[in-house]
PDB file of N, CA and C in Angstrom:
ATOM      1  N   MET A   1      20.725 -21.655   3.334  1.00  0.00           N
ATOM      2  CA  MET A   1      19.928 -20.537   3.803  1.00  0.00           C
ATOM      3  C   MET A   1      18.492 -20.718   3.302  1.00  0.00           C
ATOM      4  N   LYS A   2      17.525 -20.586   4.199  1.00  0.00           N
ATOM      5  CA  LYS A   2      16.116 -20.780   3.861  1.00  0.00           C
ATOM      6  C   LYS A   2      15.487 -19.469   3.389  1.00  0.00           C
ATOM      7  N   LYS A   3      14.704 -19.544   2.301  1.00  0.00           N
ATOM      8  CA  LYS A   3      13.984 -18.377   1.801  1.00  0.00           C
ATOM      9  C   LYS A   3      12.498 -18.627   1.985  1.00  0.00           C
ATOM     10  N   ASP A   4      11.802 -17.703   2.661  1.00  0.00           N
ATOM     11  CA  ASP A   4      10.368 -17.832   2.884  1.00  0.00           C
ATOM     12  C   ASP A   4       9.592 -17.119   1.795  1.00  0.00           C
ATOM     13  N   ASN A   5       8.655 -17.813   1.169  1.00  0.00           N
ATOM     14  CA  ASN A   5       7.733 -17.233   0.193  1.00  0.00           C
ATOM     15  C   ASN A   5       8.412 -16.451  -0.925  1.00  0.00           C
ATOM     16  N   CYS A   6       9.646 -16.779  -1.244  1.00  0.00           N
ATOM     17  CA  CYS A   6      10.379 -16.108  -2.317  1.00  0.00           C
ATOM     18  C   CYS A   6      10.477 -14.598  -2.100  1.00  0.00           C
ATOM     19  N   ASP A   7      10.429 -14.148  -0.846  1.00  0.00           N
ATOM     20  CA  ASP A   7      10.593 -12.724  -0.571  1.00  0.00           C
ATOM     21  C   ASP A   7      12.031 -12.327  -0.869  1.00  0.00           C
ATOM     22  N   LEU A   8      12.209 -11.088  -1.247  1.00  0.00           N
ATOM     23  CA  LEU A   8      13.541 -10.570  -1.490  1.00  0.00           C
ATOM     24  C   LEU A   8      14.111 -10.007  -0.197  1.00  0.00           C
ATOM     25  N   VAL A   9      15.367 -10.288   0.057  1.00  0.00           N
ATOM     26  CA  VAL A   9      16.035  -9.736   1.227  1.00  0.00           C
ATOM     27  C   VAL A   9      17.177  -8.869   0.734  1.00  0.00           C
ATOM     28  N   HIS A  10      17.143  -7.593   1.103  1.00  0.00           N
ATOM     29  CA  HIS A  10      18.174  -6.659   0.682  1.00  0.00           C
ATOM     30  C   HIS A  10      19.466  -6.932   1.442  1.00  0.00           C
ATOM     31  N   PRO A  11      20.604  -6.464   0.910  1.00  0.00           N
ATOM     32  CA  PRO A  11      21.890  -6.690   1.577  1.00  0.00           C
ATOM     33  C   PRO A  11      21.912  -6.213   3.030  1.00  0.00           C
ATOM     34  N   ASN A  12      21.095  -5.187   3.372  1.00  0.00           N
ATOM     35  CA  ASN A  12      21.082  -4.698   4.757  1.00  0.00           C
ATOM     36  C   ASN A  12      20.193  -5.564   5.651  1.00  0.00           C
ATOM     37  N   GLY A  13      19.636  -6.645   5.106  1.00  0.00           N
ATOM     38  CA  GLY A  13      18.849  -7.578   5.895  1.00  0.00           C
ATOM     39  C   GLY A  13      17.364  -7.261   5.959  1.00  0.00           C
ATOM     40  N   VAL A  14      16.928  -6.165   5.342  1.00  0.00           N
ATOM     41  CA  VAL A  14      15.517  -5.792   5.364  1.00  0.00           C
ATOM     42  C   VAL A  14      14.773  -6.615   4.318  1.00  0.00           C
ATOM     43  N   LYS A  15      13.693  -7.259   4.747  1.00  0.00           N
ATOM     44  CA  LYS A  15      12.906  -8.104   3.856  1.00  0.00           C
ATOM     45  C   LYS A  15      11.920  -7.241   3.074  1.00  0.00           C
ATOM     46  N   GLU A  16      11.889  -7.431   1.762  1.00  0.00           N
ATOM     47  CA  GLU A  16      10.955  -6.697   0.910  1.00  0.00           C
ATOM     48  C   GLU A  16       9.591  -7.371   0.991  1.00  0.00           C
ATOM     49  N   LYS A  17       8.532  -6.564   0.950  1.00  0.00           N
ATOM     50  CA  LYS A  17       7.189  -7.109   1.054  1.00  0.00           C
ATOM     51  C   LYS A  17       6.834  -7.981  -0.156  1.00  0.00           C
ATOM     52  N   LYS A  18       6.127  -9.068   0.134  1.00  0.00           N
ATOM     53  CA  LYS A  18       5.613  -9.945  -0.929  1.00  0.00           C
ATOM     54  C   LYS A  18       4.607  -9.132  -1.736  1.00  0.00           C
ATOM     55  N   LEU A  19       4.642  -9.278  -3.061  1.00  0.00           N
ATOM     56  CA  LEU A  19       3.657  -8.579  -3.876  1.00  0.00           C
ATOM     57  C   LEU A  19       3.202  -9.448  -5.018  1.00  0.00           C
ATOM     58  N   GLU A  20       2.011  -9.130  -5.514  1.00  0.00           N
ATOM     59  CA  GLU A  20       1.479  -9.780  -6.703  1.00  0.00           C
ATOM     60  C   GLU A  20       0.616  -8.773  -7.441  1.00  0.00           C
ATOM     61  N   VAL A  21       0.398  -9.045  -8.718  1.00  0.00           N
ATOM     62  CA  VAL A  21      -0.446  -8.180  -9.541  1.00  0.00           C
ATOM     63  C   VAL A  21      -1.656  -8.999  -9.975  1.00  0.00           C
ATOM     64  N   ILE A  22      -2.847  -8.500  -9.618  1.00  0.00           N
ATOM     65  CA  ILE A  22      -4.094  -9.181  -9.948  1.00  0.00           C
ATOM     66  C   ILE A  22      -5.009  -8.181 -10.650  1.00  0.00           C
ATOM     67  N   ASP A  23      -5.430  -8.509 -11.851  1.00  0.00           N
ATOM     68  CA  ASP A  23      -6.311  -7.634 -12.645  1.00  0.00           C
ATOM     69  C   ASP A  23      -5.791  -6.200 -12.714  1.00  0.00           C
ATOM     70  N   GLY A  24      -4.482  -6.043 -12.826  1.00  0.00           N
ATOM     71  CA  GLY A  24      -3.882  -4.723 -12.960  1.00  0.00           C
ATOM     72  C   GLY A  24      -3.602  -4.017 -11.643  1.00  0.00           C
ATOM     73  N   TYR A  25      -4.026  -4.598 -10.523  1.00  0.00           N
ATOM     74  CA  TYR A  25      -3.771  -4.002  -9.210  1.00  0.00           C
ATOM     75  C   TYR A  25      -2.533  -4.631  -8.587  1.00  0.00           C
ATOM     76  N   THR A  26      -1.633  -3.787  -8.098  1.00  0.00           N
ATOM     77  CA  THR A  26      -0.459  -4.264  -7.380  1.00  0.00           C
ATOM     78  C   THR A  26      -0.851  -4.407  -5.921  1.00  0.00           C
ATOM     79  N   ILE A  27      -0.683  -5.598  -5.386  1.00  0.00           N
ATOM     80  CA  ILE A  27      -1.040  -5.871  -3.998  1.00  0.00           C
ATOM     81  C   ILE A  27       0.223  -6.267  -3.254  1.00  0.00           C
ATOM     82  N   LYS A  28       0.528  -5.522  -2.175  1.00  0.00           N
ATOM     83  CA  LYS A  28       1.663  -5.853  -1.312  1.00  0.00           C
ATOM     84  C   LYS A  28       1.107  -6.385   0.002  1.00  0.00           C
ATOM     85  N   TYR A  29       1.862  -7.294   0.615  1.00  0.00           N
ATOM     86  CA  TYR A  29       1.422  -7.947   1.837  1.00  0.00           C
ATOM     87  C   TYR A  29       2.323  -7.580   3.019  1.00  0.00           C
ATOM     88  N   HIS A  30       1.731  -7.651   4.220  1.00  0.00           N
ATOM     89  CA  HIS A  30       2.500  -7.454   5.448  1.00  0.00           C
ATOM     90  C   HIS A  30       3.565  -8.554   5.552  1.00  0.00           C
ATOM     91  N   ALA A  31       4.480  -8.408   6.491  1.00  0.00           N
ATOM     92  CA  ALA A  31       5.574  -9.371   6.662  1.00  0.00           C
ATOM     93  C   ALA A  31       5.068 -10.796   6.864  1.00  0.00           C
ATOM     94  N   ASN A  32       3.852 -10.951   7.386  1.00  0.00           N
ATOM     95  CA  ASN A  32       3.314 -12.296   7.592  1.00  0.00           C
ATOM     96  C   ASN A  32       2.973 -12.989   6.267  1.00  0.00           C
ATOM     97  N   GLY A  33       2.955 -12.201   5.162  1.00  0.00           N
ATOM     98  CA  GLY A  33       2.704 -12.753   3.839  1.00  0.00           C
ATOM     99  C   GLY A  33       1.257 -13.106   3.564  1.00  0.00           C
ATOM    100  N   LYS A  34       0.358 -12.825   4.516  1.00  0.00           N
ATOM    101  CA  LYS A  34      -1.042 -13.220   4.361  1.00  0.00           C
ATOM    102  C   LYS A  34      -1.996 -12.037   4.269  1.00  0.00           C
ATOM    103  N   THR A  35      -1.800 -11.016   5.091  1.00  0.00           N
ATOM    104  CA  THR A  35      -2.729  -9.888   5.082  1.00  0.00           C
ATOM    105  C   THR A  35      -2.205  -8.773   4.182  1.00  0.00           C
ATOM    106  N   MET A  36      -3.135  -8.156   3.471  1.00  0.00           N
ATOM    107  CA  MET A  36      -2.788  -7.104   2.520  1.00  0.00           C
ATOM    108  C   MET A  36      -2.256  -5.864   3.240  1.00  0.00           C
ATOM    109  N   TRP A  37      -1.190  -5.286   2.703  1.00  0.00           N
ATOM    110  CA  TRP A  37      -0.610  -4.047   3.211  1.00  0.00           C
ATOM    111  C   TRP A  37      -1.076  -2.866   2.358  1.00  0.00           C
ATOM    112  N   SER A  38      -1.077  -3.027   1.036  1.00  0.00           N
ATOM    113  CA  SER A  38      -1.529  -1.955   0.147  1.00  0.00           C
ATOM    114  C   SER A  38      -2.066  -2.533  -1.153  1.00  0.00           C
ATOM    115  N   LYS A  39      -2.900  -1.703  -1.825  1.00  0.00           N
ATOM    116  CA  LYS A  39      -3.484  -2.135  -3.093  1.00  0.00           C
ATOM    117  C   LYS A  39      -3.724  -0.911  -3.960  1.00  0.00           C
ATOM    118  N   GLY A  40      -3.272  -0.973  -5.206  1.00  0.00           N
ATOM    119  CA  GLY A  40      -3.499   0.108  -6.161  1.00  0.00           C
ATOM    120  C   GLY A  40      -2.851  -0.222  -7.491  1.00  0.00           C
ATOM    121  N   LYS A  41      -2.999   0.675  -8.432  1.00  0.00           N
ATOM    122  CA  LYS A  41      -2.434   0.466  -9.767  1.00  0.00           C
ATOM    123  C   LYS A  41      -1.107   1.209  -9.918  1.00  0.00           C
ATOM    124  N   MET A  42      -0.246   0.613 -10.719  1.00  0.00           N
ATOM    125  CA  MET A  42       1.054   1.205 -11.026  1.00  0.00           C
ATOM    126  C   MET A  42       1.097   1.485 -12.528  1.00  0.00           C
ATOM    127  N   ILE A  43       1.640   2.656 -12.892  1.00  0.00           N
ATOM    128  CA  ILE A  43       1.881   2.988 -14.289  1.00  0.00           C
ATOM    129  C   ILE A  43       3.315   3.480 -14.381  1.00  0.00           C
ATOM    130  N   GLU A  44       4.091   2.812 -15.224  1.00  0.00           N
ATOM    131  CA  GLU A  44       5.514   3.137 -15.381  1.00  0.00           C
ATOM    132  C   GLU A  44       6.232   3.179 -14.026  1.00  0.00           C
ATOM    133  N   ASP A  45       6.018   2.153 -13.213  1.00  0.00           N
ATOM    134  CA  ASP A  45       6.637   1.999 -11.891  1.00  0.00           C
ATOM    135  C   ASP A  45       6.273   3.104 -10.901  1.00  0.00           C
ATOM    136  N   GLN A  46       5.178   3.805 -11.137  1.00  0.00           N
ATOM    137  CA  GLN A  46       4.709   4.851 -10.222  1.00  0.00           C
ATOM    138  C   GLN A  46       3.272   4.535  -9.808  1.00  0.00           C
ATOM    139  N   PRO A  47       2.932   4.773  -8.514  1.00  0.00           N
ATOM    140  CA  PRO A  47       1.535   4.588  -8.133  1.00  0.00           C
ATOM    141  C   PRO A  47       0.667   5.601  -8.869  1.00  0.00           C
ATOM    142  N   ASP A  48      -0.500   5.154  -9.333  1.00  0.00           N
ATOM    143  CA  ASP A  48      -1.388   6.038 -10.081  1.00  0.00           C
ATOM    144  C   ASP A  48      -2.831   5.653  -9.787  1.00  0.00           C
ATOM    145  N   GLY A  49      -3.684   6.645  -9.559  1.00  0.00           N
ATOM    146  CA  GLY A  49      -5.078   6.371  -9.237  1.00  0.00           C
ATOM    147  C   GLY A  49      -5.270   6.137  -7.750  1.00  0.00           C
ATOM    148  N   TYR A  50      -6.358   5.459  -7.418  1.00  0.00           N
ATOM    149  CA  TYR A  50      -6.759   5.240  -6.029  1.00  0.00           C
ATOM    150  C   TYR A  50      -5.950   4.117  -5.375  1.00  0.00           C
ATOM    151  N   TRP A  51      -5.443   4.372  -4.150  1.00  0.00           N
ATOM    152  CA  TRP A  51      -4.670   3.396  -3.379  1.00  0.00           C
ATOM    153  C   TRP A  51      -5.252   3.281  -1.981  1.00  0.00           C
ATOM    154  N   GLU A  52      -5.103   2.091  -1.391  1.00  0.00           N
ATOM    155  CA  GLU A  52      -5.498   1.849  -0.003  1.00  0.00           C
ATOM    156  C   GLU A  52      -4.369   1.128   0.728  1.00  0.00           C
ATOM    157  N   TRP A  53      -4.230   1.420   2.037  1.00  0.00           N
ATOM    158  CA  TRP A  53      -3.282   0.745   2.915  1.00  0.00           C
ATOM    159  C   TRP A  53      -4.063   0.146   4.062  1.00  0.00           C
ATOM    160  N   TYR A  54      -3.584  -1.002   4.544  1.00  0.00           N
ATOM    161  CA  TYR A  54      -4.293  -1.737   5.585  1.00  0.00           C
ATOM    162  C   TYR A  54      -3.372  -2.081   6.752  1.00  0.00           C
ATOM    163  N   ARG A  55      -3.973  -2.231   7.932  1.00  0.00           N
ATOM    164  CA  ARG A  55      -3.243  -2.723   9.102  1.00  0.00           C
ATOM    165  C   ARG A  55      -3.134  -4.249   8.989  1.00  0.00           C
ATOM    166  N   SER A  56      -2.271  -4.825   9.809  1.00  0.00           N
ATOM    167  CA  SER A  56      -2.072  -6.280   9.739  1.00  0.00           C
ATOM    168  C   SER A  56      -3.320  -7.056  10.156  1.00  0.00           C
ATOM    169  N   ASP A  57      -4.263  -6.399  10.863  1.00  0.00           N
ATOM    170  CA  ASP A  57      -5.512  -7.089  11.219  1.00  0.00           C
ATOM    171  C   ASP A  57      -6.559  -6.992  10.103  1.00  0.00           C
ATOM    172  N   GLY A  58      -6.212  -6.307   8.992  1.00  0.00           N
ATOM    173  CA  GLY A  58      -7.098  -6.220   7.843  1.00  0.00           C
ATOM    174  C   GLY A  58      -7.927  -4.952   7.757  1.00  0.00           C
ATOM    175  N   THR A  59      -7.942  -4.120   8.817  1.00  0.00           N
ATOM    176  CA  THR A  59      -8.719  -2.879   8.754  1.00  0.00           C
ATOM    177  C   THR A  59      -7.989  -1.849   7.901  1.00  0.00           C
ATOM    178  N   ILE A  60      -8.778  -1.028   7.217  1.00  0.00           N
ATOM    179  CA  ILE A  60      -8.188   0.001   6.372  1.00  0.00           C
ATOM    180  C   ILE A  60      -7.516   1.056   7.242  1.00  0.00           C
ATOM    181  N   LYS A  61      -6.356   1.529   6.790  1.00  0.00           N
ATOM    182  CA  LYS A  61      -5.579   2.513   7.537  1.00  0.00           C
ATOM    183  C   LYS A  61      -5.574   3.872   6.842  1.00  0.00           C
ATOM    184  N   ARG A  62      -5.436   3.877   5.514  1.00  0.00           N
ATOM    185  CA  ARG A  62      -5.326   5.122   4.768  1.00  0.00           C
ATOM    186  C   ARG A  62      -5.742   4.892   3.326  1.00  0.00           C
ATOM    187  N   SER A  63      -6.259   5.940   2.690  1.00  0.00           N
ATOM    188  CA  SER A  63      -6.606   5.850   1.277  1.00  0.00           C
ATOM    189  C   SER A  63      -6.403   7.201   0.628  1.00  0.00           C
ATOM    190  N   GLY A  64      -6.096   7.172  -0.663  1.00  0.00           N
ATOM    191  CA  GLY A  64      -5.901   8.418  -1.388  1.00  0.00           C
ATOM    192  C   GLY A  64      -5.550   8.156  -2.832  1.00  0.00           C
ATOM    193  N   TYR A  65      -5.387   9.245  -3.552  1.00  0.00           N
ATOM    194  CA  TYR A  65      -5.121   9.185  -4.990  1.00  0.00           C
ATOM    195  C   TYR A  65      -3.717   9.658  -5.329  1.00  0.00           C
ATOM    196  N   PHE A  66      -3.145   9.026  -6.351  1.00  0.00           N
ATOM    197  CA  PHE A  66      -1.868   9.436  -6.917  1.00  0.00           C
ATOM    198  C   PHE A  66      -2.068   9.830  -8.368  1.00  0.00           C
ATOM    199  N   GLU A  67      -1.255  10.743  -8.821  1.00  0.00           N
ATOM    200  CA  GLU A  67      -1.166  11.056 -10.241  1.00  0.00           C
ATOM    201  C   GLU A  67       0.299  10.915 -10.614  1.00  0.00           C
ATOM    202  N   MET A  68       0.619   9.807 -11.277  1.00  0.00           N
ATOM    203  CA  MET A  68       1.995   9.470 -11.657  1.00  0.00           C
ATOM    204  C   MET A  68       2.981   9.655 -10.501  1.00  0.00           C
ATOM    205  N   GLY A  69       2.666   9.038  -9.368  1.00  0.00           N
ATOM    206  CA  GLY A  69       3.557   9.027  -8.211  1.00  0.00           C
ATOM    207  C   GLY A  69       3.383  10.169  -7.235  1.00  0.00           C
ATOM    208  N   GLU A  70       2.625  11.183  -7.590  1.00  0.00           N
ATOM    209  CA  GLU A  70       2.415  12.338  -6.705  1.00  0.00           C
ATOM    210  C   GLU A  70       1.052  12.235  -6.031  1.00  0.00           C
ATOM    211  N   PRO A  71       1.012  12.334  -4.680  1.00  0.00           N
ATOM    212  CA  PRO A  71      -0.290  12.304  -4.002  1.00  0.00           C
ATOM    213  C   PRO A  71      -1.106  13.545  -4.364  1.00  0.00           C
ATOM    214  N   ILE A  72      -2.394  13.339  -4.659  1.00  0.00           N
ATOM    215  CA  ILE A  72      -3.276  14.450  -5.032  1.00  0.00           C
ATOM    216  C   ILE A  72      -4.631  14.275  -4.346  1.00  0.00           C
ATOM    217  N   GLY A  73      -5.374  15.366  -4.269  1.00  0.00           N
ATOM    218  CA  GLY A  73      -6.748  15.312  -3.794  1.00  0.00           C
ATOM    219  C   GLY A  73      -6.891  14.931  -2.338  1.00  0.00           C
ATOM    220  N   GLU A  74      -8.038  14.357  -2.033  1.00  0.00           N
ATOM    221  CA  GLU A  74      -8.392  14.021  -0.650  1.00  0.00           C
ATOM    222  C   GLU A  74      -7.756  12.701  -0.214  1.00  0.00           C
ATOM    223  N   TRP A  75      -7.092  12.733   0.936  1.00  0.00           N
ATOM    224  CA  TRP A  75      -6.518  11.543   1.555  1.00  0.00           C
ATOM    225  C   TRP A  75      -7.215  11.348   2.890  1.00  0.00           C
ATOM    226  N   VAL A  76      -7.602  10.105   3.162  1.00  0.00           N
ATOM    227  CA  VAL A  76      -8.338   9.801   4.385  1.00  0.00           C
ATOM    228  C   VAL A  76      -7.514   8.854   5.251  1.00  0.00           C
ATOM    229  N   THR A  77      -7.427   9.181   6.539  1.00  0.00           N
ATOM    230  CA  THR A  77      -6.818   8.306   7.536  1.00  0.00           C
ATOM    231  C   THR A  77      -7.949   7.723   8.370  1.00  0.00           C
ATOM    232  N   TYR A  78      -7.876   6.423   8.667  1.00  0.00           N
ATOM    233  CA  TYR A  78      -8.927   5.727   9.395  1.00  0.00           C
ATOM    234  C   TYR A  78      -8.424   5.295  10.763  1.00  0.00           C
ATOM    235  N   ASP A  79      -9.341   5.239  11.744  1.00  0.00           N
ATOM    236  CA  ASP A  79      -8.957   4.787  13.083  1.00  0.00           C
ATOM    237  C   ASP A  79      -8.830   3.262  13.091  1.00  0.00           C
ATOM    238  N   SER A  80      -8.514   2.702  14.247  1.00  0.00           N
ATOM    239  CA  SER A  80      -8.257   1.261  14.349  1.00  0.00           C
ATOM    240  C   SER A  80      -9.479   0.397  14.055  1.00  0.00           C
ATOM    241  N   LYS A  81     -10.675   1.011  14.030  1.00  0.00           N
ATOM    242  CA  LYS A  81     -11.890   0.267  13.700  1.00  0.00           C
ATOM    243  C   LYS A  81     -12.289   0.446  12.237  1.00  0.00           C
ATOM    244  N   GLY A  82     -11.489   1.214  11.475  1.00  0.00           N
ATOM    245  CA  GLY A  82     -11.769   1.427  10.068  1.00  0.00           C
ATOM    246  C   GLY A  82     -12.718   2.585   9.800  1.00  0.00           C
ATOM    247  N   GLN A  83     -12.951   3.422  10.819  1.00  0.00           N
ATOM    248  CA  GLN A  83     -13.818   4.588  10.663  1.00  0.00           C
ATOM    249  C   GLN A  83     -12.979   5.802  10.282  1.00  0.00           C
ATOM    250  N   LYS A  84     -13.553   6.699   9.454  1.00  0.00           N
ATOM    251  CA  LYS A  84     -12.846   7.912   9.041  1.00  0.00           C
ATOM    252  C   LYS A  84     -12.401   8.702  10.258  1.00  0.00           C
ATOM    253  N   TYR A  85     -11.112   9.038  10.302  1.00  0.00           N
ATOM    254  CA  TYR A  85     -10.545   9.752  11.438  1.00  0.00           C
ATOM    255  C   TYR A  85     -10.107  11.165  11.041  1.00  0.00           C
ATOM    256  N   LYS A  86      -9.464  11.264   9.866  1.00  0.00           N
ATOM    257  CA  LYS A  86      -8.919  12.547   9.441  1.00  0.00           C
ATOM    258  C   LYS A  86      -8.892  12.605   7.919  1.00  0.00           C
ATOM    259  N   THR A  87      -9.150  13.801   7.378  1.00  0.00           N
ATOM    260  CA  THR A  87      -9.084  14.010   5.937  1.00  0.00           C
ATOM    261  C   THR A  87      -8.085  15.118   5.646  1.00  0.00           C
ATOM    262  N   THR A  88      -7.216  14.887   4.669  1.00  0.00           N
ATOM    263  CA  THR A  88      -6.191  15.855   4.276  1.00  0.00           C
ATOM    264  C   THR A  88      -6.311  16.103   2.776  1.00  0.00           C
ATOM    265  N   ASN A  89      -6.162  17.349   2.363  1.00  0.00           N
ATOM    266  CA  ASN A  89      -6.192  17.657   0.938  1.00  0.00           C
ATOM    267  C   ASN A  89      -4.761  17.841   0.452  1.00  0.00           C
ATOM    268  N   ARG A  90      -4.373  17.055  -0.533  1.00  0.00           N
ATOM    269  CA  ARG A  90      -2.995  17.059  -1.037  1.00  0.00           C
ATOM    270  C   ARG A  90      -2.850  17.803  -2.359  1.00  0.00           C
ATOM    271  N   ASP A  91      -3.836  18.616  -2.729  1.00  0.00           N
ATOM    272  CA  ASP A  91      -3.725  19.374  -3.973  1.00  0.00           C
ATOM    273  C   ASP A  91      -2.640  20.427  -3.873  1.00  0.00           C
ATOM    274  N   LYS A  92      -1.976  20.638  -4.988  1.00  0.00           N
ATOM    275  CA  LYS A  92      -0.926  21.667  -5.051  1.00  0.00           C
ATOM    276  C   LYS A  92      -1.583  23.035  -5.045  1.00  0.00           C
ATOM    277  N   LYS A  93      -0.977  23.970  -4.335  1.00  0.00           N
ATOM    278  CA  LYS A  93      -1.554  25.312  -4.258  1.00  0.00           C
ATOM    279  C   LYS A  93      -0.768  26.306  -5.033  1.00  0.00           C
TER     280      LYS A  93
END
């Protein structure tokens, strides 16, 4: 059985995204293994601080902040050209 790029394959056949940690940032890649899917910091296995997600063509898709795994503050969704499309506030009320 051939394994591509040392990706993990779960028993249900779903391939886990390739990831690496560079200067404290966890970077996950799209299935192609080349373009970035997400980038941010992890603390105790939880996303923390500012995170970004990208489309497979490299344009930014979404950005926002986490506080120990919980989304907080302003989250921005971007259109297919990487321009701000929508802003959502995730603060607890």
